Amino acid sequence: MPRTATLNQNAERKIKDALRGVESDTLAKSPRIEMRVTVLEKDEIQRTAKSLGLTVTDYFLSLHRFVRPRLERPKNTAGEKRRPNAGENANG
């Protein structure tokens, strides 16, 4: 099996484990977001959502709710220096 397939399977397993128990709101929704994906990506997304017992919408919303807090940059507390991001000047 190619290394990328193994990495993808490991990543998918981690996502499935992390999303267990994450609930999605079941409120009526009307706004839409469209995105372009390959046929393979679409099939993988649908298959993963189905394996978790979710619709594609609920799968993406669950991922969003799970990932967003982990991506937000923590606020600096008084006296702590913030490390510069890649491409930022270390002096400010």
PDB file of N, CA and C in Angstrom:
ATOM      1  N   MET A   1       0.845  -1.177   0.000  1.00  0.00           N
ATOM      2  CA  MET A   1       0.000   0.000   0.000  1.00  0.00           C
ATOM      3  C   MET A   1       0.886   1.234   0.000  1.00  0.00           C
ATOM      4  N   PRO A   2       0.575   2.220  -0.860  1.00  0.00           N
ATOM      5  CA  PRO A   2       1.388   3.433  -0.890  1.00  0.00           C
ATOM      6  C   PRO A   2       1.335   4.163   0.444  1.00  0.00           C
ATOM      7  N   ARG A   3       2.420   4.861   0.740  1.00  0.00           N
ATOM      8  CA  ARG A   3       2.515   5.589   2.010  1.00  0.00           C
ATOM      9  C   ARG A   3       1.394   6.618   2.162  1.00  0.00           C
ATOM     10  N   THR A   4       1.027   7.301   1.079  1.00  0.00           N
ATOM     11  CA  THR A   4      -0.029   8.313   1.181  1.00  0.00           C
ATOM     12  C   THR A   4      -1.357   7.679   1.556  1.00  0.00           C
ATOM     13  N   ALA A   5      -1.634   6.481   1.052  1.00  0.00           N
ATOM     14  CA  ALA A   5      -2.883   5.812   1.411  1.00  0.00           C
ATOM     15  C   ALA A   5      -2.899   5.494   2.899  1.00  0.00           C
ATOM     16  N   THR A   6      -1.758   5.052   3.432  1.00  0.00           N
ATOM     17  CA  THR A   6      -1.666   4.753   4.861  1.00  0.00           C
ATOM     18  C   THR A   6      -1.863   6.020   5.683  1.00  0.00           C
ATOM     19  N   LEU A   7      -1.234   7.126   5.253  1.00  0.00           N
ATOM     20  CA  LEU A   7      -1.404   8.398   5.960  1.00  0.00           C
ATOM     21  C   LEU A   7      -2.850   8.854   5.928  1.00  0.00           C
ATOM     22  N   ASN A   8      -3.508   8.714   4.770  1.00  0.00           N
ATOM     23  CA  ASN A   8      -4.906   9.109   4.650  1.00  0.00           C
ATOM     24  C   ASN A   8      -5.795   8.259   5.549  1.00  0.00           C
ATOM     25  N   GLN A   9      -5.532   6.968   5.632  1.00  0.00           N
ATOM     26  CA  GLN A   9      -6.316   6.088   6.487  1.00  0.00           C
ATOM     27  C   GLN A   9      -6.107   6.446   7.951  1.00  0.00           C
ATOM     28  N   ASN A  10      -4.869   6.750   8.328  1.00  0.00           N
ATOM     29  CA  ASN A  10      -4.587   7.150   9.710  1.00  0.00           C
ATOM     30  C   ASN A  10      -5.289   8.460  10.042  1.00  0.00           C
ATOM     31  N   ALA A  11      -5.236   9.423   9.124  1.00  0.00           N
ATOM     32  CA  ALA A  11      -5.894  10.708   9.348  1.00  0.00           C
ATOM     33  C   ALA A  11      -7.403  10.506   9.459  1.00  0.00           C
ATOM     34  N   GLU A  12      -7.972   9.692   8.590  1.00  0.00           N
ATOM     35  CA  GLU A  12      -9.415   9.445   8.629  1.00  0.00           C
ATOM     36  C   GLU A  12      -9.813   8.767   9.940  1.00  0.00           C
ATOM     37  N   ARG A  13      -9.020   7.830  10.401  1.00  0.00           N
ATOM     38  CA  ARG A  13      -9.304   7.141  11.663  1.00  0.00           C
ATOM     39  C   ARG A  13      -9.267   8.130  12.831  1.00  0.00           C
ATOM     40  N   LYS A  14      -8.282   9.034  12.822  1.00  0.00           N
ATOM     41  CA  LYS A  14      -8.181  10.034  13.886  1.00  0.00           C
ATOM     42  C   LYS A  14      -9.388  10.966  13.871  1.00  0.00           C
ATOM     43  N   ILE A  15      -9.829  11.359  12.680  1.00  0.00           N
ATOM     44  CA  ILE A  15     -11.000  12.231  12.573  1.00  0.00           C
ATOM     45  C   ILE A  15     -12.233  11.499  13.094  1.00  0.00           C
ATOM     46  N   LYS A  16     -12.411  10.252  12.696  1.00  0.00           N
ATOM     47  CA  LYS A  16     -13.564   9.484  13.167  1.00  0.00           C
ATOM     48  C   LYS A  16     -13.556   9.371  14.687  1.00  0.00           C
ATOM     49  N   ASP A  17     -12.409   9.068  15.253  1.00  0.00           N
ATOM     50  CA  ASP A  17     -12.302   8.953  16.712  1.00  0.00           C
ATOM     51  C   ASP A  17     -12.627  10.291  17.383  1.00  0.00           C
ATOM     52  N   ALA A  18     -12.112  11.368  16.821  1.00  0.00           N
ATOM     53  CA  ALA A  18     -12.313  12.683  17.418  1.00  0.00           C
ATOM     54  C   ALA A  18     -13.771  13.134  17.326  1.00  0.00           C
ATOM     55  N   LEU A  19     -14.466  12.731  16.270  1.00  0.00           N
ATOM     56  CA  LEU A  19     -15.834  13.190  16.064  1.00  0.00           C
ATOM     57  C   LEU A  19     -16.878  12.351  16.789  1.00  0.00           C
ATOM     58  N   ARG A  20     -16.487  11.235  17.348  1.00  0.00           N
ATOM     59  CA  ARG A  20     -17.468  10.430  18.083  1.00  0.00           C
ATOM     60  C   ARG A  20     -18.046  11.288  19.210  1.00  0.00           C
ATOM     61  N   GLY A  21     -19.339  11.375  19.251  1.00  0.00           N
ATOM     62  CA  GLY A  21     -19.994  12.137  20.295  1.00  0.00           C
ATOM     63  C   GLY A  21     -20.157  13.610  19.998  1.00  0.00           C
ATOM     64  N   VAL A  22     -19.607  14.099  18.891  1.00  0.00           N
ATOM     65  CA  VAL A  22     -19.807  15.501  18.527  1.00  0.00           C
ATOM     66  C   VAL A  22     -21.185  15.612  17.880  1.00  0.00           C
ATOM     67  N   GLU A  23     -22.021  16.425  18.471  1.00  0.00           N
ATOM     68  CA  GLU A  23     -23.388  16.579  17.980  1.00  0.00           C
ATOM     69  C   GLU A  23     -23.481  17.777  17.040  1.00  0.00           C
ATOM     70  N   SER A  24     -24.336  17.665  16.064  1.00  0.00           N
ATOM     71  CA  SER A  24     -24.607  18.780  15.166  1.00  0.00           C
ATOM     72  C   SER A  24     -25.997  19.315  15.461  1.00  0.00           C
ATOM     73  N   ASP A  25     -26.168  20.603  15.300  1.00  0.00           N
ATOM     74  CA  ASP A  25     -27.500  21.180  15.475  1.00  0.00           C
ATOM     75  C   ASP A  25     -28.402  20.639  14.387  1.00  0.00           C
ATOM     76  N   THR A  26     -29.632  20.364  14.740  1.00  0.00           N
ATOM     77  CA  THR A  26     -30.579  19.851  13.755  1.00  0.00           C
ATOM     78  C   THR A  26     -31.607  20.920  13.385  1.00  0.00           C
ATOM     79  N   LEU A  27     -31.203  22.187  13.509  1.00  0.00           N
ATOM     80  CA  LEU A  27     -32.089  23.284  13.141  1.00  0.00           C
ATOM     81  C   LEU A  27     -32.231  23.358  11.627  1.00  0.00           C
ATOM     82  N   ALA A  28     -33.357  23.914  11.195  1.00  0.00           N
ATOM     83  CA  ALA A  28     -33.576  24.099   9.759  1.00  0.00           C
ATOM     84  C   ALA A  28     -32.497  25.014   9.201  1.00  0.00           C
ATOM     85  N   LYS A  29     -31.987  24.658   8.054  1.00  0.00           N
ATOM     86  CA  LYS A  29     -30.906  25.428   7.437  1.00  0.00           C
ATOM     87  C   LYS A  29     -31.351  25.826   6.032  1.00  0.00           C
ATOM     88  N   SER A  30     -30.992  27.025   5.619  1.00  0.00           N
ATOM     89  CA  SER A  30     -31.303  27.408   4.249  1.00  0.00           C
ATOM     90  C   SER A  30     -30.103  27.952   3.492  1.00  0.00           C
ATOM     91  N   PRO A  31     -29.194  28.764   4.091  1.00  0.00           N
ATOM     92  CA  PRO A  31     -28.037  29.219   3.315  1.00  0.00           C
ATOM     93  C   PRO A  31     -27.188  28.025   2.866  1.00  0.00           C
ATOM     94  N   ARG A  32     -26.537  28.185   1.735  1.00  0.00           N
ATOM     95  CA  ARG A  32     -25.740  27.089   1.183  1.00  0.00           C
ATOM     96  C   ARG A  32     -24.303  27.537   0.956  1.00  0.00           C
ATOM     97  N   ILE A  33     -23.412  26.583   1.054  1.00  0.00           N
ATOM     98  CA  ILE A  33     -22.013  26.774   0.679  1.00  0.00           C
ATOM     99  C   ILE A  33     -21.716  25.703  -0.358  1.00  0.00           C
ATOM    100  N   GLU A  34     -21.136  26.116  -1.460  1.00  0.00           N
ATOM    101  CA  GLU A  34     -20.754  25.148  -2.483  1.00  0.00           C
ATOM    102  C   GLU A  34     -19.246  25.106  -2.581  1.00  0.00           C
ATOM    103  N   MET A  35     -18.721  23.928  -2.887  1.00  0.00           N
ATOM    104  CA  MET A  35     -17.277  23.786  -3.061  1.00  0.00           C
ATOM    105  C   MET A  35     -17.000  22.800  -4.178  1.00  0.00           C
ATOM    106  N   ARG A  36     -15.875  22.983  -4.799  1.00  0.00           N
ATOM    107  CA  ARG A  36     -15.486  22.117  -5.906  1.00  0.00           C
ATOM    108  C   ARG A  36     -14.531  21.070  -5.375  1.00  0.00           C
ATOM    109  N   VAL A  37     -14.828  19.815  -5.664  1.00  0.00           N
ATOM    110  CA  VAL A  37     -13.987  18.701  -5.266  1.00  0.00           C
ATOM    111  C   VAL A  37     -13.909  17.716  -6.424  1.00  0.00           C
ATOM    112  N   THR A  38     -12.939  16.831  -6.359  1.00  0.00           N
ATOM    113  CA  THR A  38     -12.860  15.787  -7.377  1.00  0.00           C
ATOM    114  C   THR A  38     -13.922  14.730  -7.081  1.00  0.00           C
ATOM    115  N   VAL A  39     -14.187  13.897  -8.050  1.00  0.00           N
ATOM    116  CA  VAL A  39     -15.148  12.804  -7.861  1.00  0.00           C
ATOM    117  C   VAL A  39     -14.680  11.908  -6.715  1.00  0.00           C
ATOM    118  N   LEU A  40     -13.378  11.625  -6.656  1.00  0.00           N
ATOM    119  CA  LEU A  40     -12.825  10.787  -5.589  1.00  0.00           C
ATOM    120  C   LEU A  40     -13.029  11.434  -4.220  1.00  0.00           C
ATOM    121  N   GLU A  41     -12.751  12.735  -4.121  1.00  0.00           N
ATOM    122  CA  GLU A  41     -12.935  13.434  -2.842  1.00  0.00           C
ATOM    123  C   GLU A  41     -14.403  13.421  -2.420  1.00  0.00           C
ATOM    124  N   LYS A  42     -15.299  13.647  -3.380  1.00  0.00           N
ATOM    125  CA  LYS A  42     -16.732  13.636  -3.080  1.00  0.00           C
ATOM    126  C   LYS A  42     -17.147  12.278  -2.540  1.00  0.00           C
ATOM    127  N   ASP A  43     -16.703  11.216  -3.203  1.00  0.00           N
ATOM    128  CA  ASP A  43     -17.043   9.862  -2.759  1.00  0.00           C
ATOM    129  C   ASP A  43     -16.487   9.573  -1.366  1.00  0.00           C
ATOM    130  N   GLU A  44     -15.239  10.010  -1.115  1.00  0.00           N
ATOM    131  CA  GLU A  44     -14.628   9.792   0.202  1.00  0.00           C
ATOM    132  C   GLU A  44     -15.375  10.551   1.289  1.00  0.00           C
ATOM    133  N   ILE A  45     -15.758  11.790   0.995  1.00  0.00           N
ATOM    134  CA  ILE A  45     -16.483  12.602   1.971  1.00  0.00           C
ATOM    135  C   ILE A  45     -17.831  11.962   2.278  1.00  0.00           C
ATOM    136  N   GLN A  46     -18.558  11.561   1.257  1.00  0.00           N
ATOM    137  CA  GLN A  46     -19.861  10.935   1.466  1.00  0.00           C
ATOM    138  C   GLN A  46     -19.729   9.616   2.234  1.00  0.00           C
ATOM    139  N   ARG A  47     -18.721   8.829   1.891  1.00  0.00           N
ATOM    140  CA  ARG A  47     -18.505   7.544   2.554  1.00  0.00           C
ATOM    141  C   ARG A  47     -18.160   7.748   4.034  1.00  0.00           C
ATOM    142  N   THR A  48     -17.293   8.722   4.312  1.00  0.00           N
ATOM    143  CA  THR A  48     -16.904   8.990   5.695  1.00  0.00           C
ATOM    144  C   THR A  48     -18.102   9.478   6.499  1.00  0.00           C
ATOM    145  N   ALA A  49     -18.864  10.419   5.945  1.00  0.00           N
ATOM    146  CA  ALA A  49     -20.052  10.927   6.640  1.00  0.00           C
ATOM    147  C   ALA A  49     -21.019   9.790   6.940  1.00  0.00           C
ATOM    148  N   LYS A  50     -21.259   8.950   5.957  1.00  0.00           N
ATOM    149  CA  LYS A  50     -22.186   7.830   6.134  1.00  0.00           C
ATOM    150  C   LYS A  50     -21.682   6.862   7.205  1.00  0.00           C
ATOM    151  N   SER A  51     -20.377   6.600   7.213  1.00  0.00           N
ATOM    152  CA  SER A  51     -19.825   5.662   8.199  1.00  0.00           C
ATOM    153  C   SER A  51     -19.959   6.194   9.627  1.00  0.00           C
ATOM    154  N   LEU A  52     -20.066   7.519   9.752  1.00  0.00           N
ATOM    155  CA  LEU A  52     -20.247   8.151  11.061  1.00  0.00           C
ATOM    156  C   LEU A  52     -21.722   8.356  11.396  1.00  0.00           C
ATOM    157  N   GLY A  53     -22.598   7.976  10.464  1.00  0.00           N
ATOM    158  CA  GLY A  53     -24.029   8.155  10.678  1.00  0.00           C
ATOM    159  C   GLY A  53     -24.465   9.603  10.541  1.00  0.00           C
ATOM    160  N   LEU A  54     -23.726  10.385   9.728  1.00  0.00           N
ATOM    161  CA  LEU A  54     -24.008  11.804   9.544  1.00  0.00           C
ATOM    162  C   LEU A  54     -24.318  12.100   8.091  1.00  0.00           C
ATOM    163  N   THR A  55     -25.046  13.188   7.867  1.00  0.00           N
ATOM    164  CA  THR A  55     -25.157  13.712   6.516  1.00  0.00           C
ATOM    165  C   THR A  55     -23.842  14.432   6.207  1.00  0.00           C
ATOM    166  N   VAL A  56     -23.604  14.736   4.955  1.00  0.00           N
ATOM    167  CA  VAL A  56     -22.398  15.480   4.592  1.00  0.00           C
ATOM    168  C   VAL A  56     -22.409  16.846   5.284  1.00  0.00           C
ATOM    169  N   THR A  57     -23.570  17.490   5.331  1.00  0.00           N
ATOM    170  CA  THR A  57     -23.672  18.784   6.009  1.00  0.00           C
ATOM    171  C   THR A  57     -23.284  18.654   7.475  1.00  0.00           C
ATOM    172  N   ASP A  58     -23.879  17.683   8.171  1.00  0.00           N
ATOM    173  CA  ASP A  58     -23.568  17.503   9.591  1.00  0.00           C
ATOM    174  C   ASP A  58     -22.116  17.100   9.804  1.00  0.00           C
ATOM    175  N   TYR A  59     -21.545  16.339   8.864  1.00  0.00           N
ATOM    176  CA  TYR A  59     -20.139  15.958   8.947  1.00  0.00           C
ATOM    177  C   TYR A  59     -19.250  17.201   8.888  1.00  0.00           C
ATOM    178  N   PHE A  60     -19.497  18.078   7.910  1.00  0.00           N
ATOM    179  CA  PHE A  60     -18.683  19.285   7.788  1.00  0.00           C
ATOM    180  C   PHE A  60     -18.889  20.221   8.980  1.00  0.00           C
ATOM    181  N   LEU A  61     -20.124  20.357   9.443  1.00  0.00           N
ATOM    182  CA  LEU A  61     -20.371  21.213  10.601  1.00  0.00           C
ATOM    183  C   LEU A  61     -19.705  20.647  11.854  1.00  0.00           C
ATOM    184  N   SER A  62     -19.719  19.335  12.005  1.00  0.00           N
ATOM    185  CA  SER A  62     -19.044  18.706  13.142  1.00  0.00           C
ATOM    186  C   SER A  62     -17.541  18.925  13.068  1.00  0.00           C
ATOM    187  N   LEU A  63     -16.977  18.757  11.872  1.00  0.00           N
ATOM    188  CA  LEU A  63     -15.547  19.021  11.697  1.00  0.00           C
ATOM    189  C   LEU A  63     -15.233  20.471  12.053  1.00  0.00           C
ATOM    190  N   HIS A  64     -16.055  21.386  11.577  1.00  0.00           N
ATOM    191  CA  HIS A  64     -15.851  22.805  11.840  1.00  0.00           C
ATOM    192  C   HIS A  64     -15.876  23.087  13.338  1.00  0.00           C
ATOM    193  N   ARG A  65     -16.880  22.551  14.026  1.00  0.00           N
ATOM    194  CA  ARG A  65     -17.001  22.781  15.473  1.00  0.00           C
ATOM    195  C   ARG A  65     -15.840  22.155  16.237  1.00  0.00           C
ATOM    196  N   PHE A  66     -15.324  21.045  15.732  1.00  0.00           N
ATOM    197  CA  PHE A  66     -14.214  20.366  16.400  1.00  0.00           C
ATOM    198  C   PHE A  66     -12.888  21.084  16.157  1.00  0.00           C
ATOM    199  N   VAL A  67     -12.658  21.516  14.918  1.00  0.00           N
ATOM    200  CA  VAL A  67     -11.355  22.065  14.525  1.00  0.00           C
ATOM    201  C   VAL A  67     -11.196  23.536  14.893  1.00  0.00           C
ATOM    202  N   ARG A  68     -12.250  24.311  14.757  1.00  0.00           N
ATOM    203  CA  ARG A  68     -12.114  25.765  14.939  1.00  0.00           C
ATOM    204  C   ARG A  68     -11.470  26.160  16.265  1.00  0.00           C
ATOM    205  N   PRO A  69     -11.917  25.643  17.406  1.00  0.00           N
ATOM    206  CA  PRO A  69     -11.273  26.061  18.662  1.00  0.00           C
ATOM    207  C   PRO A  69      -9.796  25.681  18.727  1.00  0.00           C
ATOM    208  N   ARG A  70      -9.411  24.636  18.017  1.00  0.00           N
ATOM    209  CA  ARG A  70      -8.023  24.190  18.032  1.00  0.00           C
ATOM    210  C   ARG A  70      -7.134  25.033  17.123  1.00  0.00           C
ATOM    211  N   LEU A  71      -7.750  25.759  16.190  1.00  0.00           N
ATOM    212  CA  LEU A  71      -6.992  26.597  15.269  1.00  0.00           C
ATOM    213  C   LEU A  71      -6.902  28.041  15.721  1.00  0.00           C
ATOM    214  N   GLU A  72      -7.813  28.434  16.610  1.00  0.00           N
ATOM    215  CA  GLU A  72      -7.791  29.818  17.072  1.00  0.00           C
ATOM    216  C   GLU A  72      -6.519  30.079  17.859  1.00  0.00           C
ATOM    217  N   ARG A  73      -5.929  31.205  17.586  1.00  0.00           N
ATOM    218  CA  ARG A  73      -4.678  31.585  18.234  1.00  0.00           C
ATOM    219  C   ARG A  73      -4.971  32.000  19.667  1.00  0.00           C
ATOM    220  N   PRO A  74      -4.298  31.406  20.635  1.00  0.00           N
ATOM    221  CA  PRO A  74      -4.539  31.822  22.021  1.00  0.00           C
ATOM    222  C   PRO A  74      -4.092  33.261  22.235  1.00  0.00           C
ATOM    223  N   LYS A  75      -4.814  33.968  23.076  1.00  0.00           N
ATOM    224  CA  LYS A  75      -4.465  35.357  23.371  1.00  0.00           C
ATOM    225  C   LYS A  75      -3.261  35.369  24.306  1.00  0.00           C
ATOM    226  N   ASN A  76      -2.399  36.342  24.094  1.00  0.00           N
ATOM    227  CA  ASN A  76      -1.228  36.487  24.963  1.00  0.00           C
ATOM    228  C   ASN A  76      -1.667  36.947  26.337  1.00  0.00           C
ATOM    229  N   THR A  77      -1.060  36.362  27.336  1.00  0.00           N
ATOM    230  CA  THR A  77      -1.304  36.863  28.683  1.00  0.00           C
ATOM    231  C   THR A  77      -0.235  37.896  28.978  1.00  0.00           C
ATOM    232  N   ALA A  78      -0.473  38.726  29.950  1.00  0.00           N
ATOM    233  CA  ALA A  78       0.455  39.811  30.275  1.00  0.00           C
ATOM    234  C   ALA A  78       1.854  39.263  30.516  1.00  0.00           C
ATOM    235  N   GLY A  79       2.821  39.883  29.884  1.00  0.00           N
ATOM    236  CA  GLY A  79       4.212  39.518  30.106  1.00  0.00           C
ATOM    237  C   GLY A  79       4.740  38.412  29.205  1.00  0.00           C
ATOM    238  N   GLU A  80       3.860  37.717  28.481  1.00  0.00           N
ATOM    239  CA  GLU A  80       4.331  36.650  27.596  1.00  0.00           C
ATOM    240  C   GLU A  80       4.629  37.229  26.226  1.00  0.00           C
ATOM    241  N   LYS A  81       5.701  36.756  25.631  1.00  0.00           N
ATOM    242  CA  LYS A  81       6.033  37.165  24.270  1.00  0.00           C
ATOM    243  C   LYS A  81       5.373  36.187  23.307  1.00  0.00           C
ATOM    244  N   ARG A  82       4.859  36.731  22.207  1.00  0.00           N
ATOM    245  CA  ARG A  82       4.278  35.899  21.168  1.00  0.00           C
ATOM    246  C   ARG A  82       5.360  35.549  20.163  1.00  0.00           C
ATOM    247  N   ARG A  83       5.411  34.271  19.801  1.00  0.00           N
ATOM    248  CA  ARG A  83       6.371  33.856  18.787  1.00  0.00           C
ATOM    249  C   ARG A  83       5.874  34.316  17.428  1.00  0.00           C
ATOM    250  N   PRO A  84       6.761  34.876  16.593  1.00  0.00           N
ATOM    251  CA  PRO A  84       6.311  35.342  15.262  1.00  0.00           C
ATOM    252  C   PRO A  84       5.941  34.156  14.384  1.00  0.00           C
ATOM    253  N   ASN A  85       4.947  34.366  13.527  1.00  0.00           N
ATOM    254  CA  ASN A  85       4.581  33.364  12.535  1.00  0.00           C
ATOM    255  C   ASN A  85       5.617  33.359  11.429  1.00  0.00           C
ATOM    256  N   ALA A  86       5.588  32.325  10.623  1.00  0.00           N
ATOM    257  CA  ALA A  86       6.480  32.277   9.468  1.00  0.00           C
ATOM    258  C   ALA A  86       6.256  33.509   8.608  1.00  0.00           C
ATOM    259  N   GLY A  87       7.279  34.171   8.227  1.00  0.00           N
ATOM    260  CA  GLY A  87       7.187  35.337   7.380  1.00  0.00           C
ATOM    261  C   GLY A  87       7.085  36.640   8.139  1.00  0.00           C
ATOM    262  N   GLU A  88       6.869  36.582   9.450  1.00  0.00           N
ATOM    263  CA  GLU A  88       6.821  37.803  10.256  1.00  0.00           C
ATOM    264  C   GLU A  88       8.218  38.153  10.733  1.00  0.00           C
ATOM    265  N   ASN A  89       8.456  39.413  10.875  1.00  0.00           N
ATOM    266  CA  ASN A  89       9.727  39.885  11.418  1.00  0.00           C
ATOM    267  C   ASN A  89       9.723  39.644  12.913  1.00  0.00           C
ATOM    268  N   ALA A  90      10.747  39.042  13.433  1.00  0.00           N
ATOM    269  CA  ALA A  90      10.838  38.715  14.859  1.00  0.00           C
ATOM    270  C   ALA A  90      10.809  39.973  15.729  1.00  0.00           C
ATOM    271  N   ASN A  91      11.122  41.124  15.145  1.00  0.00           N
ATOM    272  CA  ASN A  91      11.138  42.364  15.929  1.00  0.00           C
ATOM    273  C   ASN A  91       9.799  43.082  15.930  1.00  0.00           C
ATOM    274  N   GLY A  92       8.796  42.506  15.305  1.00  0.00           N
ATOM    275  CA  GLY A  92       7.488  43.171  15.356  1.00  0.00           C
ATOM    276  C   GLY A  92       6.864  43.212  14.033  1.00  0.00           C
TER     277      GLY A  92
END
